[in-house]
PDB file of all heavy atoms in Angstrom:
ATOM      1  N   PRO A   1       0.815  -1.223   0.000  1.00  0.00           N
ATOM      2  CA  PRO A   1       0.000   0.000   0.000  1.00  0.00           C
ATOM      3  C   PRO A   1       0.848   1.273   0.000  1.00  0.00           C
ATOM      4  O   PRO A   1       0.424   2.304  -0.504  1.00  0.00           O
ATOM      5  CB  PRO A   1      -0.816  -0.093   1.276  1.00  0.00           C
ATOM      6  CG  PRO A   1      -0.699  -1.484   1.767  1.00  0.00           C
ATOM      7  CD  PRO A   1       0.498  -2.091   1.111  1.00  0.00           C
ATOM      8  N   ALA A   2       2.025   1.204   0.558  1.00  0.00           N
ATOM      9  CA  ALA A   2       2.902   2.377   0.577  1.00  0.00           C
ATOM     10  C   ALA A   2       3.323   2.756  -0.842  1.00  0.00           C
ATOM     11  O   ALA A   2       3.452   3.939  -1.162  1.00  0.00           O
ATOM     12  CB  ALA A   2       4.129   2.113   1.440  1.00  0.00           C
ATOM     13  N   ILE A   3       3.510   1.753  -1.694  1.00  0.00           N
ATOM     14  CA  ILE A   3       3.901   2.022  -3.078  1.00  0.00           C
ATOM     15  C   ILE A   3       2.773   2.754  -3.788  1.00  0.00           C
ATOM     16  O   ILE A   3       3.007   3.707  -4.534  1.00  0.00           O
ATOM     17  CB  ILE A   3       4.286   0.714  -3.803  1.00  0.00           C
ATOM     18  CG1 ILE A   3       5.575   0.143  -3.200  1.00  0.00           C
ATOM     19  CG2 ILE A   3       4.464   0.960  -5.293  1.00  0.00           C
ATOM     20  CD1 ILE A   3       5.961  -1.204  -3.734  1.00  0.00           C
ATOM     21  N   GLY A   4       1.540   2.322  -3.566  1.00  0.00           N
ATOM     22  CA  GLY A   4       0.392   3.001  -4.164  1.00  0.00           C
ATOM     23  C   GLY A   4       0.293   4.439  -3.695  1.00  0.00           C
ATOM     24  O   GLY A   4       0.006   5.345  -4.484  1.00  0.00           O
ATOM     25  N   GLN A   5       0.539   4.665  -2.413  1.00  0.00           N
ATOM     26  CA  GLN A   5       0.486   6.023  -1.868  1.00  0.00           C
ATOM     27  C   GLN A   5       1.599   6.874  -2.471  1.00  0.00           C
ATOM     28  O   GLN A   5       1.391   8.049  -2.795  1.00  0.00           O
ATOM     29  CB  GLN A   5       0.610   5.979  -0.352  1.00  0.00           C
ATOM     30  CG  GLN A   5       0.446   7.323   0.315  1.00  0.00           C
ATOM     31  CD  GLN A   5       0.548   7.234   1.826  1.00  0.00           C
ATOM     32  OE1 GLN A   5       0.877   6.179   2.368  1.00  0.00           O
ATOM     33  NE2 GLN A   5       0.269   8.336   2.507  1.00  0.00           N
ATOM     34  N   ILE A   6       2.766   6.295  -2.651  1.00  0.00           N
ATOM     35  CA  ILE A   6       3.882   7.015  -3.250  1.00  0.00           C
ATOM     36  C   ILE A   6       3.546   7.382  -4.690  1.00  0.00           C
ATOM     37  O   ILE A   6       3.809   8.504  -5.140  1.00  0.00           O
ATOM     38  CB  ILE A   6       5.177   6.179  -3.171  1.00  0.00           C
ATOM     39  CG1 ILE A   6       5.659   6.099  -1.722  1.00  0.00           C
ATOM     40  CG2 ILE A   6       6.273   6.777  -4.060  1.00  0.00           C
ATOM     41  CD1 ILE A   6       6.799   5.134  -1.495  1.00  0.00           C
ATOM     42  N   LYS A   7       2.926   6.451  -5.414  1.00  0.00           N
ATOM     43  CA  LYS A   7       2.543   6.736  -6.801  1.00  0.00           C
ATOM     44  C   LYS A   7       1.518   7.860  -6.863  1.00  0.00           C
ATOM     45  O   LYS A   7       1.595   8.727  -7.728  1.00  0.00           O
ATOM     46  CB  LYS A   7       1.997   5.479  -7.475  1.00  0.00           C
ATOM     47  CG  LYS A   7       3.061   4.471  -7.822  1.00  0.00           C
ATOM     48  CD  LYS A   7       2.488   3.282  -8.537  1.00  0.00           C
ATOM     49  CE  LYS A   7       3.565   2.270  -8.899  1.00  0.00           C
ATOM     50  NZ  LYS A   7       3.012   1.109  -9.611  1.00  0.00           N
ATOM     51  N   GLU A   8       0.558   7.871  -5.952  1.00  0.00           N
ATOM     52  CA  GLU A   8      -0.448   8.936  -5.917  1.00  0.00           C
ATOM     53  C   GLU A   8       0.216  10.279  -5.600  1.00  0.00           C
ATOM     54  O   GLU A   8      -0.102  11.301  -6.215  1.00  0.00           O
ATOM     55  CB  GLU A   8      -1.512   8.625  -4.867  1.00  0.00           C
ATOM     56  CG  GLU A   8      -2.443   7.493  -5.239  1.00  0.00           C
ATOM     57  CD  GLU A   8      -3.434   7.159  -4.135  1.00  0.00           C
ATOM     58  OE1 GLU A   8      -3.617   7.980  -3.218  1.00  0.00           O
ATOM     59  OE2 GLU A   8      -4.019   6.072  -4.195  1.00  0.00           O
ATOM     60  N   THR A   9       1.148  10.257  -4.662  1.00  0.00           N
ATOM     61  CA  THR A   9       1.854  11.482  -4.297  1.00  0.00           C
ATOM     62  C   THR A   9       2.663  12.001  -5.477  1.00  0.00           C
ATOM     63  O   THR A   9       2.651  13.203  -5.766  1.00  0.00           O
ATOM     64  CB  THR A   9       2.776  11.238  -3.093  1.00  0.00           C
ATOM     65  OG1 THR A   9       2.001  10.702  -2.013  1.00  0.00           O
ATOM     66  CG2 THR A   9       3.469  12.503  -2.643  1.00  0.00           C
ATOM     67  N   LEU A  10       3.343  11.102  -6.175  1.00  0.00           N
ATOM     68  CA  LEU A  10       4.118  11.503  -7.347  1.00  0.00           C
ATOM     69  C   LEU A  10       3.213  12.074  -8.434  1.00  0.00           C
ATOM     70  O   LEU A  10       3.555  13.061  -9.090  1.00  0.00           O
ATOM     71  CB  LEU A  10       4.920  10.321  -7.887  1.00  0.00           C
ATOM     72  CG  LEU A  10       6.138   9.903  -7.070  1.00  0.00           C
ATOM     73  CD1 LEU A  10       6.777   8.647  -7.659  1.00  0.00           C
ATOM     74  CD2 LEU A  10       7.158  11.021  -7.013  1.00  0.00           C
ATOM     75  N   SER A  11       2.067  11.462  -8.610  1.00  0.00           N
ATOM     76  CA  SER A  11       1.115  11.943  -9.617  1.00  0.00           C
ATOM     77  C   SER A  11       0.632  13.351  -9.270  1.00  0.00           C
ATOM     78  O   SER A  11       0.586  14.233 -10.133  1.00  0.00           O
ATOM     79  CB  SER A  11      -0.063  10.987  -9.716  1.00  0.00           C
ATOM     80  OG  SER A  11      -1.038  11.485 -10.594  1.00  0.00           O
ATOM     81  N   SER A  12       0.294  13.576  -8.005  1.00  0.00           N
ATOM     82  CA  SER A  12      -0.165  14.908  -7.607  1.00  0.00           C
ATOM     83  C   SER A  12       0.968  15.925  -7.715  1.00  0.00           C
ATOM     84  O   SER A  12       0.743  17.071  -8.104  1.00  0.00           O
ATOM     85  CB  SER A  12      -0.742  14.885  -6.197  1.00  0.00           C
ATOM     86  OG  SER A  12       0.261  14.609  -5.249  1.00  0.00           O
ATOM     87  N   LEU A  13       2.188  15.523  -7.392  1.00  0.00           N
ATOM     88  CA  LEU A  13       3.329  16.425  -7.534  1.00  0.00           C
ATOM     89  C   LEU A  13       3.575  16.771  -9.004  1.00  0.00           C
ATOM     90  O   LEU A  13       3.880  17.924  -9.338  1.00  0.00           O
ATOM     91  CB  LEU A  13       4.585  15.803  -6.929  1.00  0.00           C
ATOM     92  CG  LEU A  13       4.662  15.769  -5.406  1.00  0.00           C
ATOM     93  CD1 LEU A  13       5.901  15.013  -4.955  1.00  0.00           C
ATOM     94  CD2 LEU A  13       4.669  17.172  -4.836  1.00  0.00           C
ATOM     95  N   GLN A  14       3.419  15.793  -9.890  1.00  0.00           N
ATOM     96  CA  GLN A  14       3.597  16.034 -11.316  1.00  0.00           C
ATOM     97  C   GLN A  14       2.553  17.015 -11.829  1.00  0.00           C
ATOM     98  O   GLN A  14       2.864  17.924 -12.598  1.00  0.00           O
ATOM     99  CB  GLN A  14       3.529  14.715 -12.104  1.00  0.00           C
ATOM    100  CG  GLN A  14       3.788  14.875 -13.584  1.00  0.00           C
ATOM    101  CD  GLN A  14       5.197  15.349 -13.868  1.00  0.00           C
ATOM    102  OE1 GLN A  14       6.144  14.973 -13.192  1.00  0.00           O
ATOM    103  NE2 GLN A  14       5.339  16.196 -14.876  1.00  0.00           N
ATOM    104  N   GLN A  15       1.317  16.871 -11.353  1.00  0.00           N
ATOM    105  CA  GLN A  15       0.257  17.803 -11.739  1.00  0.00           C
ATOM    106  C   GLN A  15       0.573  19.205 -11.220  1.00  0.00           C
ATOM    107  O   GLN A  15       0.365  20.198 -11.924  1.00  0.00           O
ATOM    108  CB  GLN A  15      -1.091  17.332 -11.217  1.00  0.00           C
ATOM    109  CG  GLN A  15      -1.620  16.094 -11.930  1.00  0.00           C
ATOM    110  CD  GLN A  15      -2.896  15.557 -11.296  1.00  0.00           C
ATOM    111  OE1 GLN A  15      -3.321  16.030 -10.248  1.00  0.00           O
ATOM    112  NE2 GLN A  15      -3.497  14.574 -11.929  1.00  0.00           N
ATOM    113  N   SER A  16       1.089  19.285 -10.006  1.00  0.00           N
ATOM    114  CA  SER A  16       1.454  20.586  -9.439  1.00  0.00           C
ATOM    115  C   SER A  16       2.569  21.238 -10.238  1.00  0.00           C
ATOM    116  O   SER A  16       2.540  22.439 -10.512  1.00  0.00           O
ATOM    117  CB  SER A  16       1.882  20.436  -7.987  1.00  0.00           C
ATOM    118  OG  SER A  16       0.831  19.936  -7.201  1.00  0.00           O
ATOM    119  N   VAL A  17       3.553  20.452 -10.616  1.00  0.00           N
ATOM    120  CA  VAL A  17       4.668  20.970 -11.407  1.00  0.00           C
ATOM    121  C   VAL A  17       4.158  21.473 -12.755  1.00  0.00           C
ATOM    122  O   VAL A  17       4.555  22.548 -13.229  1.00  0.00           O
ATOM    123  CB  VAL A  17       5.764  19.891 -11.585  1.00  0.00           C
ATOM    124  CG1 VAL A  17       6.770  20.281 -12.651  1.00  0.00           C
ATOM    125  CG2 VAL A  17       6.473  19.637 -10.269  1.00  0.00           C
ATOM    126  N   ASN A  18       3.264  20.710 -13.380  1.00  0.00           N
ATOM    127  CA  ASN A  18       2.699  21.132 -14.663  1.00  0.00           C
ATOM    128  C   ASN A  18       1.928  22.440 -14.512  1.00  0.00           C
ATOM    129  O   ASN A  18       2.022  23.329 -15.366  1.00  0.00           O
ATOM    130  CB  ASN A  18       1.796  20.045 -15.250  1.00  0.00           C
ATOM    131  CG  ASN A  18       2.579  18.836 -15.709  1.00  0.00           C
ATOM    132  OD1 ASN A  18       3.781  18.915 -15.936  1.00  0.00           O
ATOM    133  ND2 ASN A  18       1.906  17.710 -15.849  1.00  0.00           N
ATOM    134  N   ALA A  19       1.163  22.574 -13.429  1.00  0.00           N
ATOM    135  CA  ALA A  19       0.407  23.805 -13.186  1.00  0.00           C
ATOM    136  C   ALA A  19       1.354  24.981 -12.965  1.00  0.00           C
ATOM    137  O   ALA A  19       1.121  26.084 -13.476  1.00  0.00           O
ATOM    138  CB  ALA A  19      -0.517  23.624 -11.987  1.00  0.00           C
ATOM    139  N   ILE A  20       2.424  24.763 -12.221  1.00  0.00           N
ATOM    140  CA  ILE A  20       3.399  25.826 -11.964  1.00  0.00           C
ATOM    141  C   ILE A  20       4.067  26.258 -13.271  1.00  0.00           C
ATOM    142  O   ILE A  20       4.256  27.452 -13.525  1.00  0.00           O
ATOM    143  CB  ILE A  20       4.441  25.373 -10.921  1.00  0.00           C
ATOM    144  CG1 ILE A  20       3.779  25.281  -9.542  1.00  0.00           C
ATOM    145  CG2 ILE A  20       5.642  26.310 -10.891  1.00  0.00           C
ATOM    146  CD1 ILE A  20       4.650  24.640  -8.485  1.00  0.00           C
ATOM    147  N   GLN A  21       4.415  25.295 -14.116  1.00  0.00           N
ATOM    148  CA  GLN A  21       5.040  25.631 -15.393  1.00  0.00           C
ATOM    149  C   GLN A  21       4.079  26.425 -16.271  1.00  0.00           C
ATOM    150  O   GLN A  21       4.480  27.387 -16.937  1.00  0.00           O
ATOM    151  CB  GLN A  21       5.487  24.359 -16.114  1.00  0.00           C
ATOM    152  CG  GLN A  21       6.701  23.713 -15.491  1.00  0.00           C
ATOM    153  CD  GLN A  21       7.058  22.380 -16.130  1.00  0.00           C
ATOM    154  OE1 GLN A  21       6.253  21.777 -16.828  1.00  0.00           O
ATOM    155  NE2 GLN A  21       8.279  21.922 -15.895  1.00  0.00           N
ATOM    156  N   SER A  22       2.818  26.053 -16.265  1.00  0.00           N
ATOM    157  CA  SER A  22       1.812  26.787 -17.032  1.00  0.00           C
ATOM    158  C   SER A  22       1.686  28.216 -16.514  1.00  0.00           C
ATOM    159  O   SER A  22       1.639  29.172 -17.298  1.00  0.00           O
ATOM    160  CB  SER A  22       0.469  26.063 -16.946  1.00  0.00           C
ATOM    161  OG  SER A  22      -0.547  26.810 -17.570  1.00  0.00           O
ATOM    162  N   ASP A  23       1.652  28.371 -15.192  1.00  0.00           N
ATOM    163  CA  ASP A  23       1.571  29.704 -14.592  1.00  0.00           C
ATOM    164  C   ASP A  23       2.811  30.538 -14.930  1.00  0.00           C
ATOM    165  O   ASP A  23       2.709  31.741 -15.179  1.00  0.00           O
ATOM    166  CB  ASP A  23       1.404  29.610 -13.073  1.00  0.00           C
ATOM    167  CG  ASP A  23       0.025  29.093 -12.666  1.00  0.00           C
ATOM    168  OD1 ASP A  23      -0.900  29.101 -13.517  1.00  0.00           O
ATOM    169  OD2 ASP A  23      -0.121  28.686 -11.491  1.00  0.00           O
ATOM    170  N   GLN A  24       3.976  29.900 -14.940  1.00  0.00           N
ATOM    171  CA  GLN A  24       5.204  30.607 -15.286  1.00  0.00           C
ATOM    172  C   GLN A  24       5.145  31.120 -16.723  1.00  0.00           C
ATOM    173  O   GLN A  24       5.580  32.236 -17.011  1.00  0.00           O
ATOM    174  CB  GLN A  24       6.420  29.696 -15.117  1.00  0.00           C
ATOM    175  CG  GLN A  24       6.870  29.517 -13.698  1.00  0.00           C
ATOM    176  CD  GLN A  24       8.064  28.581 -13.581  1.00  0.00           C
ATOM    177  OE1 GLN A  24       8.305  27.741 -14.442  1.00  0.00           O
ATOM    178  NE2 GLN A  24       8.807  28.719 -12.502  1.00  0.00           N
ATOM    179  N   GLN A  25       4.604  30.308 -17.626  1.00  0.00           N
ATOM    180  CA  GLN A  25       4.491  30.733 -19.018  1.00  0.00           C
ATOM    181  C   GLN A  25       3.529  31.916 -19.147  1.00  0.00           C
ATOM    182  O   GLN A  25       3.798  32.871 -19.879  1.00  0.00           O
ATOM    183  CB  GLN A  25       4.031  29.576 -19.894  1.00  0.00           C
ATOM    184  CG  GLN A  25       5.083  28.496 -20.065  1.00  0.00           C
ATOM    185  CD  GLN A  25       4.567  27.269 -20.788  1.00  0.00           C
ATOM    186  OE1 GLN A  25       3.374  27.135 -21.027  1.00  0.00           O
ATOM    187  NE2 GLN A  25       5.462  26.359 -21.146  1.00  0.00           N
ATOM    188  N   LYS A  26       2.418  31.867 -18.411  1.00  0.00           N
ATOM    189  CA  LYS A  26       1.459  32.979 -18.441  1.00  0.00           C
ATOM    190  C   LYS A  26       2.103  34.245 -17.886  1.00  0.00           C
ATOM    191  O   LYS A  26       1.946  35.331 -18.450  1.00  0.00           O
ATOM    192  CB  LYS A  26       0.209  32.628 -17.639  1.00  0.00           C
ATOM    193  CG  LYS A  26      -0.669  31.580 -18.291  1.00  0.00           C
ATOM    194  CD  LYS A  26      -1.859  31.236 -17.409  1.00  0.00           C
ATOM    195  CE  LYS A  26      -2.673  30.099 -17.990  1.00  0.00           C
ATOM    196  NZ  LYS A  26      -3.757  29.688 -17.100  1.00  0.00           N
ATOM    197  N   LEU A  27       2.823  34.110 -16.766  1.00  0.00           N
ATOM    198  CA  LEU A  27       3.472  35.271 -16.163  1.00  0.00           C
ATOM    199  C   LEU A  27       4.555  35.846 -17.085  1.00  0.00           C
ATOM    200  O   LEU A  27       4.735  37.062 -17.157  1.00  0.00           O
ATOM    201  CB  LEU A  27       4.063  34.911 -14.806  1.00  0.00           C
ATOM    202  CG  LEU A  27       3.045  34.682 -13.683  1.00  0.00           C
ATOM    203  CD1 LEU A  27       3.741  34.182 -12.426  1.00  0.00           C
ATOM    204  CD2 LEU A  27       2.275  35.943 -13.395  1.00  0.00           C
ATOM    205  N   ALA A  28       5.268  34.974 -17.777  1.00  0.00           N
ATOM    206  CA  ALA A  28       6.294  35.439 -18.711  1.00  0.00           C
ATOM    207  C   ALA A  28       5.647  36.225 -19.849  1.00  0.00           C
ATOM    208  O   ALA A  28       6.175  37.270 -20.265  1.00  0.00           O
ATOM    209  CB  ALA A  28       7.089  34.258 -19.261  1.00  0.00           C
ATOM    210  N   ALA A  29       4.493  35.765 -20.340  1.00  0.00           N
ATOM    211  CA  ALA A  29       3.786  36.490 -21.398  1.00  0.00           C
ATOM    212  C   ALA A  29       3.297  37.841 -20.893  1.00  0.00           C
ATOM    213  O   ALA A  29       3.414  38.857 -21.593  1.00  0.00           O
ATOM    214  CB  ALA A  29       2.620  35.649 -21.919  1.00  0.00           C
ATOM    215  N   GLN A  30       2.762  37.868 -19.667  1.00  0.00           N
ATOM    216  CA  GLN A  30       2.298  39.128 -19.096  1.00  0.00           C
ATOM    217  C   GLN A  30       3.464  40.091 -18.886  1.00  0.00           C
ATOM    218  O   GLN A  30       3.341  41.293 -19.151  1.00  0.00           O
ATOM    219  CB  GLN A  30       1.577  38.876 -17.773  1.00  0.00           C
ATOM    220  CG  GLN A  30       0.221  38.218 -17.926  1.00  0.00           C
ATOM    221  CD  GLN A  30      -0.418  37.896 -16.581  1.00  0.00           C
ATOM    222  OE1 GLN A  30       0.207  38.027 -15.533  1.00  0.00           O
ATOM    223  NE2 GLN A  30      -1.670  37.474 -16.614  1.00  0.00           N
ATOM    224  N   LEU A  31       4.584  39.584 -18.401  1.00  0.00           N
ATOM    225  CA  LEU A  31       5.767  40.423 -18.196  1.00  0.00           C
ATOM    226  C   LEU A  31       6.244  40.997 -19.525  1.00  0.00           C
ATOM    227  O   LEU A  31       6.617  42.177 -19.601  1.00  0.00           O
ATOM    228  CB  LEU A  31       6.886  39.611 -17.529  1.00  0.00           C
ATOM    229  CG  LEU A  31       8.188  40.345 -17.261  1.00  0.00           C
ATOM    230  CD1 LEU A  31       7.962  41.507 -16.295  1.00  0.00           C
ATOM    231  CD2 LEU A  31       9.226  39.401 -16.706  1.00  0.00           C
ATOM    232  N   ASN A  32       6.211  40.202 -20.567  1.00  0.00           N
ATOM    233  CA  ASN A  32       6.606  40.664 -21.890  1.00  0.00           C
ATOM    234  C   ASN A  32       5.678  41.789 -22.350  1.00  0.00           C
ATOM    235  O   ASN A  32       6.143  42.799 -22.885  1.00  0.00           O
ATOM    236  CB  ASN A  32       6.584  39.497 -22.876  1.00  0.00           C
ATOM    237  CG  ASN A  32       7.224  39.847 -24.192  1.00  0.00           C
ATOM    238  OD1 ASN A  32       8.026  40.758 -24.279  1.00  0.00           O
ATOM    239  ND2 ASN A  32       6.868  39.117 -25.231  1.00  0.00           N
ATOM    240  N   ASP A  33       4.365  41.636 -22.133  1.00  0.00           N
ATOM    241  CA  ASP A  33       3.411  42.685 -22.494  1.00  0.00           C
ATOM    242  C   ASP A  33       3.678  43.969 -21.718  1.00  0.00           C
ATOM    243  O   ASP A  33       3.643  45.064 -22.281  1.00  0.00           O
ATOM    244  CB  ASP A  33       1.970  42.217 -22.243  1.00  0.00           C
ATOM    245  CG  ASP A  33       1.532  41.119 -23.203  1.00  0.00           C
ATOM    246  OD1 ASP A  33       2.194  40.944 -24.251  1.00  0.00           O
ATOM    247  OD2 ASP A  33       0.521  40.443 -22.891  1.00  0.00           O
ATOM    248  N   VAL A  34       3.942  43.842 -20.419  1.00  0.00           N
ATOM    249  CA  VAL A  34       4.223  45.018 -19.583  1.00  0.00           C
ATOM    250  C   VAL A  34       5.490  45.717 -20.070  1.00  0.00           C
ATOM    251  O   VAL A  34       5.542  46.949 -20.145  1.00  0.00           O
ATOM    252  CB  VAL A  34       4.331  44.617 -18.092  1.00  0.00           C
ATOM    253  CG1 VAL A  34       4.912  45.730 -17.245  1.00  0.00           C
ATOM    254  CG2 VAL A  34       2.967  44.190 -17.566  1.00  0.00           C
ATOM    255  N   GLN A  35       6.508  44.948 -20.411  1.00  0.00           N
ATOM    256  CA  GLN A  35       7.751  45.538 -20.896  1.00  0.00           C
ATOM    257  C   GLN A  35       7.534  46.270 -22.214  1.00  0.00           C
ATOM    258  O   GLN A  35       8.085  47.360 -22.432  1.00  0.00           O
ATOM    259  CB  GLN A  35       8.827  44.454 -21.056  1.00  0.00           C
ATOM    260  CG  GLN A  35       9.394  43.957 -19.742  1.00  0.00           C
ATOM    261  CD  GLN A  35      10.355  42.802 -19.911  1.00  0.00           C
ATOM    262  OE1 GLN A  35      10.356  42.122 -20.934  1.00  0.00           O
ATOM    263  NE2 GLN A  35      11.174  42.558 -18.900  1.00  0.00           N
ATOM    264  N   GLN A  36       6.719  45.702 -23.102  1.00  0.00           N
ATOM    265  CA  GLN A  36       6.439  46.354 -24.373  1.00  0.00           C
ATOM    266  C   GLN A  36       5.660  47.653 -24.150  1.00  0.00           C
ATOM    267  O   GLN A  36       5.940  48.677 -24.781  1.00  0.00           O
ATOM    268  CB  GLN A  36       5.651  45.424 -25.301  1.00  0.00           C
ATOM    269  CG  GLN A  36       6.485  44.293 -25.871  1.00  0.00           C
ATOM    270  CD  GLN A  36       5.672  43.342 -26.733  1.00  0.00           C
ATOM    271  OE1 GLN A  36       4.455  43.416 -26.787  1.00  0.00           O
ATOM    272  NE2 GLN A  36       6.355  42.429 -27.413  1.00  0.00           N
ATOM    273  N   THR A  37       4.689  47.612 -23.233  1.00  0.00           N
ATOM    274  CA  THR A  37       3.915  48.812 -22.927  1.00  0.00           C
ATOM    275  C   THR A  37       4.806  49.891 -22.328  1.00  0.00           C
ATOM    276  O   THR A  37       4.713  51.071 -22.709  1.00  0.00           O
ATOM    277  CB  THR A  37       2.762  48.467 -21.948  1.00  0.00           C
ATOM    278  OG1 THR A  37       1.958  47.443 -22.523  1.00  0.00           O
ATOM    279  CG2 THR A  37       1.905  49.671 -21.652  1.00  0.00           C
ATOM    280  N   ALA A  38       5.669  49.527 -21.410  1.00  0.00           N
ATOM    281  CA  ALA A  38       6.583  50.488 -20.796  1.00  0.00           C
ATOM    282  C   ALA A  38       7.525  51.074 -21.834  1.00  0.00           C
ATOM    283  O   ALA A  38       7.800  52.283 -21.829  1.00  0.00           O
ATOM    284  CB  ALA A  38       7.378  49.821 -19.672  1.00  0.00           C
ATOM    285  N   SER A  39       7.998  50.248 -22.741  1.00  0.00           N
ATOM    286  CA  SER A  39       8.888  50.728 -23.795  1.00  0.00           C
ATOM    287  C   SER A  39       8.159  51.715 -24.705  1.00  0.00           C
ATOM    288  O   SER A  39       8.720  52.754 -25.081  1.00  0.00           O
ATOM    289  CB  SER A  39       9.405  49.539 -24.601  1.00  0.00           C
ATOM    290  OG  SER A  39      10.207  49.978 -25.675  1.00  0.00           O
ATOM    291  N   ALA A  40       6.906  51.403 -25.047  1.00  0.00           N
ATOM    292  CA  ALA A  40       6.119  52.312 -25.882  1.00  0.00           C
ATOM    293  C   ALA A  40       5.886  53.631 -25.149  1.00  0.00           C
ATOM    294  O   ALA A  40       5.979  54.716 -25.759  1.00  0.00           O
ATOM    295  CB  ALA A  40       4.796  51.667 -26.261  1.00  0.00           C
TER     296      ALA A  40
END
């Protein structure tokens, strides 16, 4: 049962990492927009 729990934990961690990477991409796009606006 510990192996199953470890697999579930790894799965949830992988989902969290994917969500964080998605958020980072969104923030990078927003930062790029802000920089372009400031430059203009």
